[in-house]
Amino acid sequence: MLIFRWLLFLLLIASALSFAFYLGTGQMHYRRWGFTILKWAIIAGLTFFAVLGLSRFMLI
C-alpha cells in the first residue's frame, strides 16, 4: 500500500511540474505530458482504492 501512495504522490508532483513548465514556457508538449501523467495518476489512485476496498471485502 505504501508503494501505491508514493507512486500516486510522485505522479501528482510530476504532473504539477509539467503544468508549471507549460505556464512558464508556453510549449504545448509540457501540457500534453501533464495530462498524460495526470491520467496515470488517476488510474493509480483508482487502483489503490479498488485494492483497498477489495481487501476490506475479503476480510468480512
C-alpha atoms as a PDB file:
ATOM      1  CA  MET A   1       0.000   0.000   0.000  1.00  0.00           C
ATOM      2  CA  LEU A   2       2.850   2.349   0.739  1.00  0.00           C
ATOM      3  CA  ILE A   3       4.172   1.887  -2.797  1.00  0.00           C
ATOM      4  CA  PHE A   4       0.820   2.955  -4.290  1.00  0.00           C
ATOM      5  CA  ARG A   5       0.739   6.047  -2.073  1.00  0.00           C
ATOM      6  CA  TRP A   6       4.234   7.099  -3.086  1.00  0.00           C
ATOM      7  CA  LEU A   7       3.532   6.361  -6.731  1.00  0.00           C
ATOM      8  CA  LEU A   8       0.389   8.492  -6.662  1.00  0.00           C
ATOM      9  CA  PHE A   9       2.184  11.309  -4.830  1.00  0.00           C
ATOM     10  CA  LEU A  10       5.110  11.322  -7.269  1.00  0.00           C
ATOM     11  CA  LEU A  11       2.806  11.231 -10.291  1.00  0.00           C
ATOM     12  CA  LEU A  12       0.846  14.217  -8.986  1.00  0.00           C
ATOM     13  CA  ILE A  13       4.056  16.166  -8.347  1.00  0.00           C
ATOM     14  CA  ALA A  14       5.339  15.329 -11.851  1.00  0.00           C
ATOM     15  CA  SER A  15       2.045  16.449 -13.364  1.00  0.00           C
ATOM     16  CA  ALA A  16       2.110  19.728 -11.424  1.00  0.00           C
ATOM     17  CA  LEU A  17       5.704  20.377 -12.532  1.00  0.00           C
ATOM     18  CA  SER A  18       4.785  19.688 -16.119  1.00  0.00           C
ATOM     19  CA  PHE A  19       1.900  22.170 -15.961  1.00  0.00           C
ATOM     20  CA  ALA A  20       4.218  24.703 -14.317  1.00  0.00           C
ATOM     21  CA  PHE A  21       6.702  24.282 -17.182  1.00  0.00           C
ATOM     22  CA  TYR A  22       3.827  24.781 -19.624  1.00  0.00           C
ATOM     23  CA  LEU A  23       2.806  28.004 -17.902  1.00  0.00           C
ATOM     24  CA  GLY A  24       6.404  29.196 -17.860  1.00  0.00           C
ATOM     25  CA  THR A  25       7.329  28.339 -21.440  1.00  0.00           C
ATOM     26  CA  GLY A  26       4.024  28.098 -23.294  1.00  0.00           C
ATOM     27  CA  GLN A  27       5.157  24.937 -25.103  1.00  0.00           C
ATOM     28  CA  MET A  28       2.283  22.548 -25.749  1.00  0.00           C
ATOM     29  CA  HIS A  29       4.222  19.317 -25.188  1.00  0.00           C
ATOM     30  CA  TYR A  30       4.525  20.113 -21.472  1.00  0.00           C
ATOM     31  CA  ARG A  31       0.739  20.392 -21.256  1.00  0.00           C
ATOM     32  CA  ARG A  32       0.347  17.104 -23.117  1.00  0.00           C
ATOM     33  CA  TRP A  33       2.781  15.427 -20.714  1.00  0.00           C
ATOM     34  CA  GLY A  34       0.912  16.939 -17.773  1.00  0.00           C
ATOM     35  CA  PHE A  35      -2.421  15.500 -18.895  1.00  0.00           C
ATOM     36  CA  THR A  36      -0.856  12.114 -19.635  1.00  0.00           C
ATOM     37  CA  ILE A  37       0.782  11.952 -16.213  1.00  0.00           C
ATOM     38  CA  LEU A  38      -2.438  13.139 -14.561  1.00  0.00           C
ATOM     39  CA  LYS A  39      -4.358  10.380 -16.362  1.00  0.00           C
ATOM     40  CA  TRP A  40      -1.969   7.763 -14.966  1.00  0.00           C
ATOM     41  CA  ALA A  41      -2.185   9.324 -11.504  1.00  0.00           C
ATOM     42  CA  ILE A  42      -5.970   8.965 -11.607  1.00  0.00           C
ATOM     43  CA  ILE A  43      -5.642   5.352 -12.759  1.00  0.00           C
ATOM     44  CA  ALA A  44      -3.155   4.646  -9.944  1.00  0.00           C
ATOM     45  CA  GLY A  45      -5.491   6.252  -7.396  1.00  0.00           C
ATOM     46  CA  LEU A  46      -8.484   4.263  -8.578  1.00  0.00           C
ATOM     47  CA  THR A  47      -6.411   1.084  -8.476  1.00  0.00           C
ATOM     48  CA  PHE A  48      -5.294   1.898  -4.939  1.00  0.00           C
ATOM     49  CA  PHE A  49      -8.851   2.389  -3.731  1.00  0.00           C
ATOM     50  CA  ALA A  50     -10.032  -0.734  -5.578  1.00  0.00           C
ATOM     51  CA  VAL A  51      -7.361  -2.846  -3.881  1.00  0.00           C
ATOM     52  CA  LEU A  52      -8.173  -1.239  -0.540  1.00  0.00           C
ATOM     53  CA  GLY A  53     -11.895  -1.927  -0.958  1.00  0.00           C
ATOM     54  CA  LEU A  54     -11.280  -5.458  -2.172  1.00  0.00           C
ATOM     55  CA  SER A  55      -9.072  -6.230   0.813  1.00  0.00           C
ATOM     56  CA  ARG A  56     -11.771  -4.987   3.185  1.00  0.00           C
ATOM     57  CA  PHE A  57     -14.395  -7.006   1.304  1.00  0.00           C
ATOM     58  CA  MET A  58     -12.273 -10.165   1.604  1.00  0.00           C
ATOM     59  CA  LEU A  59     -11.860  -9.745   5.375  1.00  0.00           C
ATOM     60  CA  ILE A  60     -15.606  -9.591   6.042  1.00  0.00           C
END
